[in-house]
Amino acid sequence: MPFLTYYLLKDFKRVRNNLMNWLPNSSFELGWLIYYNVSTQLQAYTRGVMLQSLIMTAFCAIGFSIIGLDIPLLLGAITGLFNLMPYIGPIISIVLSLLVGAAMTPLDPTILYLSVIVIVSAQIFDNAVVIPSIVANAVNLHPVQAVLGILIFGSLFGTIGIILAVPAIATGKIVFKNIYADMANASLKAAA
């Protein structure tokens, strides 16, 4: 995977230009416009996801600090990063926080329950507030579109569908809008 990523980043412009050369001259401008809008939208999505991870990091670090769990900043950062993996990430975060809580002396069982509550409440906050408002707003989607898209893609394609739902919907929306606008302009020119 690292080698593939390296070569994709290294040869991206050449590959992009070769793909654009496949377009007929009449569609080149539309293709370039769609490419530009999609890449801008995906960059905004990436920034939104990074902000989502940062918010989860802060939420969990503060929560862990309040309940008295050891190494709250590190656990918060790990939880924020693992939040990018649906289903699996929160489970790993819960296990790590339970391990840290169990390693504390003297062992206090309430800290184990509280650490689970911190992560579960952070997940609820993330799914109810952060994803619909920040991530969906970054890609110009209504929060309902984002939530429904995640649910539909998740039920159809599983974990990969959940990860790719918002960028796929945003990309499809851009492609549809641009192609529809081009077809409308072509029909207006033909009618005139």
N, C-alpha and C. Protein backbone atom coordinates (compact mmCIF):
# COMPACT_ATOMS: atom_id res chain seq x y z
N MET A 1 0.80 -1.19 0.00
CA MET A 1 0.00 0.00 0.00
C MET A 1 0.85 1.26 0.00
N PRO A 2 1.93 1.35 0.81
CA PRO A 2 2.75 2.56 0.76
C PRO A 2 3.38 2.80 -0.61
N PHE A 3 3.78 1.73 -1.30
CA PHE A 3 4.38 1.90 -2.62
C PHE A 3 3.35 2.41 -3.62
N LEU A 4 2.15 1.87 -3.57
CA LEU A 4 1.08 2.32 -4.45
C LEU A 4 0.76 3.78 -4.19
N THR A 5 0.67 4.17 -2.92
CA THR A 5 0.40 5.57 -2.58
C THR A 5 1.52 6.47 -3.08
N TYR A 6 2.76 6.05 -2.92
CA TYR A 6 3.90 6.85 -3.37
C TYR A 6 3.82 7.10 -4.87
N TYR A 7 3.58 6.06 -5.64
CA TYR A 7 3.56 6.23 -7.09
C TYR A 7 2.33 6.99 -7.56
N LEU A 8 1.20 6.84 -6.87
CA LEU A 8 0.03 7.63 -7.24
C LEU A 8 0.27 9.11 -6.98
N LEU A 9 0.91 9.43 -5.86
CA LEU A 9 1.20 10.83 -5.57
C LEU A 9 2.27 11.38 -6.50
N LYS A 10 3.26 10.57 -6.81
CA LYS A 10 4.36 11.01 -7.67
C LYS A 10 3.90 11.26 -9.10
N ASP A 11 3.08 10.37 -9.63
CA ASP A 11 2.67 10.47 -11.03
C ASP A 11 1.24 10.97 -11.20
N PHE A 12 0.70 11.64 -10.19
CA PHE A 12 -0.70 12.03 -10.24
C PHE A 12 -1.01 12.95 -11.42
N LYS A 13 -0.19 13.98 -11.61
CA LYS A 13 -0.48 14.95 -12.68
C LYS A 13 -0.41 14.29 -14.06
N ARG A 14 0.56 13.43 -14.25
CA ARG A 14 0.69 12.77 -15.55
C ARG A 14 -0.51 11.85 -15.80
N VAL A 15 -0.92 11.11 -14.78
CA VAL A 15 -2.08 10.22 -14.93
C VAL A 15 -3.34 11.04 -15.18
N ARG A 16 -3.51 12.13 -14.43
CA ARG A 16 -4.68 13.00 -14.62
C ARG A 16 -4.72 13.55 -16.04
N ASN A 17 -3.58 14.04 -16.53
CA ASN A 17 -3.54 14.60 -17.88
C ASN A 17 -3.82 13.54 -18.94
N ASN A 18 -3.31 12.33 -18.74
CA ASN A 18 -3.61 11.25 -19.69
C ASN A 18 -5.10 10.91 -19.70
N LEU A 19 -5.72 10.88 -18.53
CA LEU A 19 -7.16 10.61 -18.47
C LEU A 19 -7.96 11.73 -19.14
N MET A 20 -7.53 12.97 -18.94
CA MET A 20 -8.23 14.09 -19.57
C MET A 20 -8.07 14.08 -21.09
N ASN A 21 -6.96 13.54 -21.58
CA ASN A 21 -6.76 13.46 -23.03
C ASN A 21 -7.71 12.47 -23.69
N TRP A 22 -8.28 11.55 -22.92
CA TRP A 22 -9.24 10.59 -23.47
C TRP A 22 -10.58 11.25 -23.79
N LEU A 23 -10.85 12.38 -23.15
CA LEU A 23 -12.12 13.05 -23.39
C LEU A 23 -12.15 13.67 -24.77
N PRO A 24 -13.31 13.63 -25.45
CA PRO A 24 -13.41 14.32 -26.74
C PRO A 24 -13.32 15.83 -26.52
N ASN A 25 -12.92 16.56 -27.54
CA ASN A 25 -12.73 18.00 -27.42
C ASN A 25 -13.99 18.72 -26.95
N SER A 26 -15.15 18.25 -27.38
CA SER A 26 -16.39 18.91 -26.99
C SER A 26 -16.68 18.75 -25.49
N SER A 27 -16.14 17.75 -24.86
CA SER A 27 -16.40 17.50 -23.43
C SER A 27 -15.21 17.83 -22.54
N PHE A 28 -14.13 18.34 -23.12
CA PHE A 28 -12.93 18.58 -22.33
C PHE A 28 -13.16 19.62 -21.24
N GLU A 29 -13.81 20.71 -21.58
CA GLU A 29 -14.05 21.76 -20.60
C GLU A 29 -14.95 21.26 -19.47
N LEU A 30 -15.99 20.52 -19.81
CA LEU A 30 -16.87 19.95 -18.79
C LEU A 30 -16.10 18.97 -17.90
N GLY A 31 -15.26 18.13 -18.50
CA GLY A 31 -14.46 17.18 -17.73
C GLY A 31 -13.51 17.87 -16.77
N TRP A 32 -12.88 18.94 -17.25
CA TRP A 32 -11.96 19.68 -16.39
C TRP A 32 -12.71 20.36 -15.25
N LEU A 33 -13.89 20.90 -15.53
CA LEU A 33 -14.71 21.54 -14.51
C LEU A 33 -15.14 20.53 -13.45
N ILE A 34 -15.58 19.35 -13.90
CA ILE A 34 -15.98 18.31 -12.95
C ILE A 34 -14.78 17.87 -12.11
N TYR A 35 -13.64 17.68 -12.74
CA TYR A 35 -12.43 17.28 -12.00
C TYR A 35 -12.09 18.32 -10.94
N TYR A 36 -12.10 19.60 -11.33
CA TYR A 36 -11.74 20.66 -10.39
C TYR A 36 -12.71 20.70 -9.21
N ASN A 37 -14.01 20.64 -9.49
CA ASN A 37 -15.01 20.69 -8.43
C ASN A 37 -14.93 19.47 -7.50
N VAL A 38 -14.72 18.30 -8.08
CA VAL A 38 -14.62 17.08 -7.25
C VAL A 38 -13.37 17.13 -6.38
N SER A 39 -12.24 17.54 -6.96
CA SER A 39 -11.01 17.58 -6.16
C SER A 39 -11.11 18.63 -5.05
N THR A 40 -11.73 19.76 -5.33
CA THR A 40 -11.93 20.78 -4.30
C THR A 40 -12.83 20.25 -3.18
N GLN A 41 -13.90 19.55 -3.59
CA GLN A 41 -14.83 18.98 -2.62
C GLN A 41 -14.16 17.91 -1.76
N LEU A 42 -13.36 17.06 -2.37
CA LEU A 42 -12.68 16.00 -1.61
C LEU A 42 -11.63 16.58 -0.66
N GLN A 43 -10.99 17.69 -1.05
CA GLN A 43 -10.07 18.35 -0.14
C GLN A 43 -10.81 18.91 1.07
N ALA A 44 -11.99 19.50 0.82
CA ALA A 44 -12.80 20.01 1.93
C ALA A 44 -13.26 18.87 2.83
N TYR A 45 -13.60 17.73 2.23
CA TYR A 45 -14.00 16.57 3.02
C TYR A 45 -12.84 16.09 3.90
N THR A 46 -11.65 16.05 3.35
CA THR A 46 -10.48 15.62 4.12
C THR A 46 -10.23 16.56 5.29
N ARG A 47 -10.35 17.87 5.05
CA ARG A 47 -10.20 18.82 6.15
C ARG A 47 -11.28 18.62 7.20
N GLY A 48 -12.52 18.33 6.77
CA GLY A 48 -13.61 18.09 7.70
C GLY A 48 -13.36 16.86 8.55
N VAL A 49 -12.85 15.79 7.94
CA VAL A 49 -12.55 14.56 8.68
C VAL A 49 -11.41 14.80 9.67
N MET A 50 -10.43 15.59 9.27
CA MET A 50 -9.33 15.90 10.19
C MET A 50 -9.85 16.71 11.39
N LEU A 51 -10.76 17.64 11.12
CA LEU A 51 -11.36 18.42 12.20
C LEU A 51 -12.21 17.52 13.10
N GLN A 52 -12.93 16.58 12.50
CA GLN A 52 -13.71 15.60 13.27
C GLN A 52 -12.80 14.81 14.21
N SER A 53 -11.67 14.36 13.70
CA SER A 53 -10.73 13.60 14.52
C SER A 53 -10.17 14.46 15.65
N LEU A 54 -9.90 15.72 15.36
CA LEU A 54 -9.38 16.63 16.38
C LEU A 54 -10.43 16.87 17.47
N ILE A 55 -11.69 17.03 17.07
CA ILE A 55 -12.76 17.23 18.05
C ILE A 55 -12.91 15.99 18.94
N MET A 56 -12.86 14.81 18.34
CA MET A 56 -12.94 13.57 19.13
C MET A 56 -11.75 13.45 20.08
N THR A 57 -10.58 13.84 19.62
CA THR A 57 -9.39 13.81 20.47
C THR A 57 -9.59 14.70 21.68
N ALA A 58 -10.04 15.93 21.45
CA ALA A 58 -10.23 16.87 22.56
C ALA A 58 -11.33 16.38 23.51
N PHE A 59 -12.44 15.91 22.95
CA PHE A 59 -13.57 15.43 23.77
C PHE A 59 -13.11 14.30 24.68
N CYS A 60 -12.44 13.32 24.11
CA CYS A 60 -12.02 12.15 24.90
C CYS A 60 -10.89 12.49 25.87
N ALA A 61 -9.95 13.33 25.45
CA ALA A 61 -8.85 13.70 26.36
C ALA A 61 -9.39 14.44 27.57
N ILE A 62 -10.33 15.35 27.34
CA ILE A 62 -10.93 16.08 28.47
C ILE A 62 -11.73 15.12 29.35
N GLY A 63 -12.50 14.24 28.72
CA GLY A 63 -13.28 13.26 29.49
C GLY A 63 -12.40 12.34 30.31
N PHE A 64 -11.32 11.84 29.70
CA PHE A 64 -10.41 10.95 30.43
C PHE A 64 -9.72 11.70 31.56
N SER A 65 -9.40 12.95 31.33
CA SER A 65 -8.75 13.75 32.37
C SER A 65 -9.70 13.99 33.54
N ILE A 66 -10.97 14.26 33.23
CA ILE A 66 -11.96 14.51 34.28
C ILE A 66 -12.17 13.27 35.15
N ILE A 67 -12.22 12.09 34.53
CA ILE A 67 -12.47 10.87 35.32
C ILE A 67 -11.21 10.36 36.02
N GLY A 68 -10.05 10.93 35.68
CA GLY A 68 -8.81 10.55 36.36
C GLY A 68 -8.07 9.39 35.74
N LEU A 69 -8.33 9.11 34.48
CA LEU A 69 -7.63 8.02 33.79
C LEU A 69 -6.21 8.48 33.45
N ASP A 70 -5.26 7.58 33.60
CA ASP A 70 -3.87 7.91 33.27
C ASP A 70 -3.72 8.19 31.78
N ILE A 71 -2.70 8.94 31.43
CA ILE A 71 -2.33 9.35 30.06
C ILE A 71 -3.55 9.77 29.21
N PRO A 72 -4.31 10.77 29.67
CA PRO A 72 -5.53 11.15 28.95
C PRO A 72 -5.26 11.73 27.56
N LEU A 73 -4.18 12.49 27.40
CA LEU A 73 -3.90 13.07 26.08
C LEU A 73 -3.57 12.00 25.05
N LEU A 74 -2.75 11.04 25.43
CA LEU A 74 -2.40 9.97 24.51
C LEU A 74 -3.62 9.12 24.16
N LEU A 75 -4.39 8.76 25.17
CA LEU A 75 -5.60 7.97 24.91
C LEU A 75 -6.61 8.76 24.07
N GLY A 76 -6.71 10.06 24.31
CA GLY A 76 -7.61 10.89 23.51
C GLY A 76 -7.16 10.96 22.06
N ALA A 77 -5.84 11.10 21.85
CA ALA A 77 -5.32 11.14 20.47
C ALA A 77 -5.55 9.82 19.75
N ILE A 78 -5.32 8.72 20.45
CA ILE A 78 -5.54 7.40 19.85
C ILE A 78 -7.02 7.21 19.52
N THR A 79 -7.89 7.64 20.43
CA THR A 79 -9.33 7.52 20.18
C THR A 79 -9.74 8.38 18.99
N GLY A 80 -9.19 9.58 18.89
CA GLY A 80 -9.49 10.45 17.75
C GLY A 80 -9.05 9.85 16.43
N LEU A 81 -7.89 9.22 16.41
CA LEU A 81 -7.41 8.57 15.18
C LEU A 81 -8.22 7.32 14.84
N PHE A 82 -8.50 6.51 15.85
CA PHE A 82 -9.27 5.29 15.61
C PHE A 82 -10.73 5.58 15.26
N ASN A 83 -11.19 6.79 15.56
CA ASN A 83 -12.55 7.16 15.20
C ASN A 83 -12.75 7.17 13.69
N LEU A 84 -11.68 7.24 12.94
CA LEU A 84 -11.77 7.23 11.48
C LEU A 84 -12.18 5.86 10.95
N MET A 85 -12.03 4.82 11.77
CA MET A 85 -12.43 3.46 11.37
C MET A 85 -13.79 3.15 12.01
N PRO A 86 -14.84 3.10 11.22
CA PRO A 86 -16.16 2.82 11.81
C PRO A 86 -16.19 1.44 12.46
N TYR A 87 -16.98 1.33 13.49
CA TYR A 87 -17.20 0.10 14.25
C TYR A 87 -15.96 -0.38 14.98
N ILE A 88 -14.88 -0.63 14.24
CA ILE A 88 -13.68 -1.21 14.83
C ILE A 88 -12.94 -0.20 15.70
N GLY A 89 -12.84 1.05 15.24
CA GLY A 89 -12.10 2.07 15.97
C GLY A 89 -12.60 2.32 17.38
N PRO A 90 -13.92 2.53 17.56
CA PRO A 90 -14.39 2.73 18.93
C PRO A 90 -14.18 1.51 19.83
N ILE A 91 -14.28 0.32 19.28
CA ILE A 91 -14.06 -0.89 20.08
C ILE A 91 -12.60 -0.96 20.54
N ILE A 92 -11.68 -0.67 19.63
CA ILE A 92 -10.26 -0.67 19.99
C ILE A 92 -10.00 0.40 21.06
N SER A 93 -10.62 1.57 20.90
CA SER A 93 -10.44 2.65 21.89
C SER A 93 -10.96 2.25 23.25
N ILE A 94 -12.11 1.58 23.27
CA ILE A 94 -12.66 1.12 24.55
C ILE A 94 -11.73 0.11 25.20
N VAL A 95 -11.23 -0.84 24.41
CA VAL A 95 -10.32 -1.85 24.96
C VAL A 95 -9.05 -1.18 25.51
N LEU A 96 -8.48 -0.24 24.78
CA LEU A 96 -7.27 0.44 25.26
C LEU A 96 -7.53 1.21 26.55
N SER A 97 -8.66 1.92 26.62
CA SER A 97 -8.95 2.66 27.84
C SER A 97 -9.20 1.72 29.02
N LEU A 98 -9.82 0.58 28.75
CA LEU A 98 -10.03 -0.40 29.82
C LEU A 98 -8.69 -0.99 30.29
N LEU A 99 -7.78 -1.23 29.35
CA LEU A 99 -6.46 -1.75 29.74
C LEU A 99 -5.70 -0.74 30.60
N VAL A 100 -5.76 0.54 30.20
CA VAL A 100 -5.07 1.56 30.99
C VAL A 100 -5.73 1.69 32.36
N GLY A 101 -7.07 1.68 32.39
CA GLY A 101 -7.77 1.76 33.67
C GLY A 101 -7.48 0.57 34.57
N ALA A 102 -7.37 -0.62 33.99
CA ALA A 102 -7.08 -1.83 34.77
C ALA A 102 -5.64 -1.83 35.28
N ALA A 103 -4.75 -1.15 34.59
CA ALA A 103 -3.35 -1.12 35.00
C ALA A 103 -3.08 -0.09 36.10
N MET A 104 -4.04 0.78 36.35
CA MET A 104 -3.85 1.79 37.38
C MET A 104 -3.92 1.15 38.77
N THR A 105 -3.08 1.65 39.68
CA THR A 105 -3.14 1.15 41.05
C THR A 105 -3.57 2.28 41.96
N PRO A 106 -4.41 2.09 42.86
CA PRO A 106 -5.21 0.88 43.10
C PRO A 106 -6.31 0.78 42.03
N LEU A 107 -6.71 -0.45 41.79
CA LEU A 107 -7.73 -0.71 40.78
C LEU A 107 -9.07 -0.18 41.26
N ASP A 108 -9.65 0.70 40.44
CA ASP A 108 -10.96 1.28 40.76
C ASP A 108 -11.92 0.89 39.64
N PRO A 109 -12.88 0.00 39.92
CA PRO A 109 -13.79 -0.46 38.86
C PRO A 109 -14.64 0.66 38.26
N THR A 110 -14.90 1.72 39.03
CA THR A 110 -15.73 2.79 38.48
C THR A 110 -15.03 3.52 37.34
N ILE A 111 -13.70 3.58 37.39
CA ILE A 111 -12.98 4.25 36.30
C ILE A 111 -13.13 3.47 34.99
N LEU A 112 -13.28 2.15 35.10
CA LEU A 112 -13.49 1.35 33.90
C LEU A 112 -14.83 1.68 33.27
N TYR A 113 -15.87 1.78 34.09
CA TYR A 113 -17.19 2.13 33.57
C TYR A 113 -17.19 3.55 33.00
N LEU A 114 -16.54 4.46 33.72
CA LEU A 114 -16.51 5.85 33.28
C LEU A 114 -15.75 6.02 31.96
N SER A 115 -14.70 5.24 31.78
CA SER A 115 -13.95 5.35 30.52
C SER A 115 -14.79 4.88 29.34
N VAL A 116 -15.59 3.85 29.54
CA VAL A 116 -16.51 3.39 28.48
C VAL A 116 -17.57 4.46 28.22
N ILE A 117 -18.07 5.09 29.28
CA ILE A 117 -19.08 6.14 29.13
C ILE A 117 -18.50 7.33 28.35
N VAL A 118 -17.24 7.68 28.61
CA VAL A 118 -16.61 8.79 27.88
C VAL A 118 -16.58 8.49 26.38
N ILE A 119 -16.15 7.30 26.01
CA ILE A 119 -16.05 6.96 24.58
C ILE A 119 -17.43 6.84 23.94
N VAL A 120 -18.37 6.25 24.63
CA VAL A 120 -19.72 6.12 24.07
C VAL A 120 -20.37 7.49 23.91
N SER A 121 -20.21 8.37 24.90
CA SER A 121 -20.78 9.72 24.76
C SER A 121 -20.07 10.51 23.67
N ALA A 122 -18.77 10.29 23.50
CA ALA A 122 -18.06 10.95 22.41
C ALA A 122 -18.57 10.45 21.05
N GLN A 123 -18.85 9.16 20.94
CA GLN A 123 -19.40 8.61 19.70
C GLN A 123 -20.79 9.18 19.41
N ILE A 124 -21.60 9.29 20.44
CA ILE A 124 -22.94 9.87 20.26
C ILE A 124 -22.82 11.32 19.80
N PHE A 125 -21.95 12.08 20.44
CA PHE A 125 -21.73 13.48 20.04
C PHE A 125 -21.21 13.55 18.61
N ASP A 126 -20.30 12.67 18.27
CA ASP A 126 -19.73 12.66 16.92
C ASP A 126 -20.80 12.36 15.87
N ASN A 127 -21.60 11.35 16.12
CA ASN A 127 -22.61 10.95 15.13
C ASN A 127 -23.79 11.90 15.08
N ALA A 128 -24.12 12.53 16.20
CA ALA A 128 -25.29 13.41 16.21
C ALA A 128 -24.97 14.85 15.85
N VAL A 129 -23.76 15.32 16.15
CA VAL A 129 -23.44 16.72 15.94
C VAL A 129 -22.32 16.93 14.92
N VAL A 130 -21.19 16.28 15.14
CA VAL A 130 -20.00 16.58 14.34
C VAL A 130 -20.16 16.16 12.89
N ILE A 131 -20.54 14.92 12.63
CA ILE A 131 -20.65 14.46 11.24
C ILE A 131 -21.71 15.25 10.48
N PRO A 132 -22.93 15.41 11.01
CA PRO A 132 -23.92 16.15 10.23
C PRO A 132 -23.57 17.63 10.03
N SER A 133 -22.96 18.26 11.03
CA SER A 133 -22.72 19.69 10.88
C SER A 133 -21.38 20.02 10.23
N ILE A 134 -20.31 19.38 10.65
CA ILE A 134 -18.99 19.77 10.15
C ILE A 134 -18.63 19.03 8.87
N VAL A 135 -18.69 17.71 8.89
CA VAL A 135 -18.26 16.94 7.73
C VAL A 135 -19.22 17.13 6.55
N ALA A 136 -20.52 17.06 6.82
CA ALA A 136 -21.49 17.25 5.73
C ALA A 136 -21.45 18.68 5.20
N ASN A 137 -21.23 19.64 6.08
CA ASN A 137 -21.15 21.03 5.65
C ASN A 137 -19.90 21.27 4.80
N ALA A 138 -18.83 20.56 5.09
CA ALA A 138 -17.59 20.72 4.32
C ALA A 138 -17.78 20.30 2.86
N VAL A 139 -18.68 19.38 2.60
CA VAL A 139 -18.90 18.92 1.23
C VAL A 139 -20.25 19.37 0.68
N ASN A 140 -20.84 20.40 1.31
CA ASN A 140 -22.10 20.99 0.85
C ASN A 140 -23.23 19.97 0.77
N LEU A 141 -23.35 19.14 1.76
CA LEU A 141 -24.46 18.21 1.84
C LEU A 141 -25.32 18.59 3.04
N HIS A 142 -26.61 18.42 2.89
CA HIS A 142 -27.50 18.62 4.03
C HIS A 142 -27.23 17.49 5.02
N PRO A 143 -27.30 17.78 6.32
CA PRO A 143 -27.04 16.71 7.30
C PRO A 143 -27.91 15.47 7.10
N VAL A 144 -29.15 15.65 6.68
CA VAL A 144 -30.01 14.50 6.44
C VAL A 144 -29.48 13.66 5.28
N GLN A 145 -28.98 14.32 4.23
CA GLN A 145 -28.38 13.59 3.11
C GLN A 145 -27.19 12.76 3.58
N ALA A 146 -26.36 13.37 4.43
CA ALA A 146 -25.17 12.65 4.92
C ALA A 146 -25.56 11.45 5.76
N VAL A 147 -26.49 11.64 6.69
CA VAL A 147 -26.89 10.54 7.57
C VAL A 147 -27.56 9.43 6.77
N LEU A 148 -28.50 9.79 5.87
CA LEU A 148 -29.17 8.77 5.05
C LEU A 148 -28.17 8.06 4.14
N GLY A 149 -27.23 8.82 3.58
CA GLY A 149 -26.21 8.21 2.72
C GLY A 149 -25.35 7.21 3.48
N ILE A 150 -24.96 7.57 4.71
CA ILE A 150 -24.16 6.66 5.52
C ILE A 150 -24.94 5.40 5.84
N LEU A 151 -26.22 5.57 6.18
CA LEU A 151 -27.05 4.40 6.49
C LEU A 151 -27.23 3.50 5.26
N ILE A 152 -27.52 4.10 4.11
CA ILE A 152 -27.75 3.31 2.89
C ILE A 152 -26.47 2.65 2.42
N PHE A 153 -25.39 3.42 2.32
CA PHE A 153 -24.12 2.85 1.87
C PHE A 153 -23.62 1.80 2.85
N GLY A 154 -23.83 2.05 4.16
CA GLY A 154 -23.41 1.08 5.16
C GLY A 154 -24.17 -0.23 5.05
N SER A 155 -25.47 -0.15 4.78
CA SER A 155 -26.24 -1.40 4.65
C SER A 155 -25.92 -2.12 3.34
N LEU A 156 -25.57 -1.37 2.31
CA LEU A 156 -25.24 -2.01 1.02
C LEU A 156 -23.82 -2.54 0.96
N PHE A 157 -22.86 -1.75 1.47
CA PHE A 157 -21.45 -2.08 1.27
C PHE A 157 -20.67 -2.30 2.56
N GLY A 158 -21.32 -2.24 3.72
CA GLY A 158 -20.64 -2.50 4.97
C GLY A 158 -19.75 -1.35 5.41
N THR A 159 -18.65 -1.70 6.03
CA THR A 159 -17.74 -0.70 6.59
C THR A 159 -17.15 0.20 5.51
N ILE A 160 -16.79 -0.37 4.39
CA ILE A 160 -16.25 0.44 3.27
C ILE A 160 -17.29 1.44 2.80
N GLY A 161 -18.55 1.03 2.78
CA GLY A 161 -19.63 1.93 2.39
C GLY A 161 -19.78 3.10 3.34
N ILE A 162 -19.62 2.84 4.62
CA ILE A 162 -19.71 3.91 5.61
C ILE A 162 -18.57 4.92 5.42
N ILE A 163 -17.39 4.41 5.16
CA ILE A 163 -16.23 5.29 4.97
C ILE A 163 -16.38 6.13 3.71
N LEU A 164 -16.88 5.52 2.63
CA LEU A 164 -16.93 6.21 1.34
C LEU A 164 -18.25 6.91 1.05
N ALA A 165 -19.23 6.82 1.95
CA ALA A 165 -20.57 7.36 1.68
C ALA A 165 -20.55 8.85 1.39
N VAL A 166 -20.02 9.65 2.29
CA VAL A 166 -20.08 11.11 2.13
C VAL A 166 -19.29 11.57 0.92
N PRO A 167 -18.03 11.12 0.71
CA PRO A 167 -17.34 11.57 -0.50
C PRO A 167 -18.01 11.08 -1.79
N ALA A 168 -18.59 9.88 -1.78
CA ALA A 168 -19.25 9.37 -2.98
C ALA A 168 -20.51 10.18 -3.30
N ILE A 169 -21.28 10.51 -2.28
CA ILE A 169 -22.49 11.31 -2.51
C ILE A 169 -22.12 12.70 -3.00
N ALA A 170 -21.11 13.31 -2.38
CA ALA A 170 -20.69 14.64 -2.81
C ALA A 170 -20.17 14.62 -4.24
N THR A 171 -19.39 13.60 -4.60
CA THR A 171 -18.88 13.48 -5.96
C THR A 171 -20.01 13.27 -6.95
N GLY A 172 -20.94 12.38 -6.62
CA GLY A 172 -22.08 12.14 -7.50
C GLY A 172 -22.92 13.39 -7.69
N LYS A 173 -23.08 14.16 -6.64
CA LYS A 173 -23.86 15.40 -6.72
C LYS A 173 -23.18 16.39 -7.67
N ILE A 174 -21.88 16.51 -7.58
CA ILE A 174 -21.14 17.43 -8.46
C ILE A 174 -21.23 16.97 -9.91
N VAL A 175 -20.99 15.70 -10.13
CA VAL A 175 -21.04 15.17 -11.50
C VAL A 175 -22.43 15.37 -12.10
N PHE A 176 -23.45 15.03 -11.34
CA PHE A 176 -24.83 15.18 -11.83
C PHE A 176 -25.15 16.64 -12.14
N LYS A 177 -24.80 17.55 -11.23
CA LYS A 177 -25.09 18.97 -11.45
C LYS A 177 -24.40 19.50 -12.70
N ASN A 178 -23.14 19.15 -12.87
CA ASN A 178 -22.39 19.67 -14.01
C ASN A 178 -22.88 19.08 -15.33
N ILE A 179 -23.16 17.80 -15.35
CA ILE A 179 -23.65 17.18 -16.58
C ILE A 179 -25.05 17.71 -16.90
N TYR A 180 -25.90 17.86 -15.88
CA TYR A 180 -27.24 18.39 -16.09
C TYR A 180 -27.17 19.83 -16.62
N ALA A 181 -26.30 20.66 -16.03
CA ALA A 181 -26.16 22.04 -16.49
C ALA A 181 -25.64 22.09 -17.93
N ASP A 182 -24.71 21.20 -18.27
CA ASP A 182 -24.20 21.16 -19.64
C ASP A 182 -25.28 20.74 -20.62
N MET A 183 -26.10 19.76 -20.24
CA MET A 183 -27.19 19.32 -21.11
C MET A 183 -28.24 20.41 -21.27
N ALA A 184 -28.52 21.15 -20.19
CA ALA A 184 -29.48 22.24 -20.26
C ALA A 184 -28.96 23.36 -21.16
N ASN A 185 -27.67 23.66 -21.08
CA ASN A 185 -27.08 24.69 -21.94
C ASN A 185 -27.11 24.23 -23.41
N ALA A 186 -26.84 22.97 -23.65
CA ALA A 186 -26.86 22.44 -25.01
C ALA A 186 -28.27 22.51 -25.59
N SER A 187 -29.28 22.20 -24.78
CA SER A 187 -30.65 22.26 -25.29
C SER A 187 -31.09 23.69 -25.53
N LEU A 188 -30.62 24.64 -24.72
CA LEU A 188 -30.94 26.05 -24.95
C LEU A 188 -30.29 26.56 -26.23
N LYS A 189 -29.05 26.13 -26.49
CA LYS A 189 -28.35 26.52 -27.72
C LYS A 189 -29.04 25.91 -28.93
N ALA A 190 -29.50 24.69 -28.80
CA ALA A 190 -30.18 24.03 -29.94
C ALA A 190 -31.53 24.69 -30.21
N ALA A 191 -32.21 25.15 -29.17
CA ALA A 191 -33.51 25.79 -29.34
C ALA A 191 -33.38 27.19 -29.93
N ALA A 192 -32.25 27.83 -29.71
CA ALA A 192 -32.05 29.20 -30.19
C ALA A 192 -31.58 29.20 -31.59
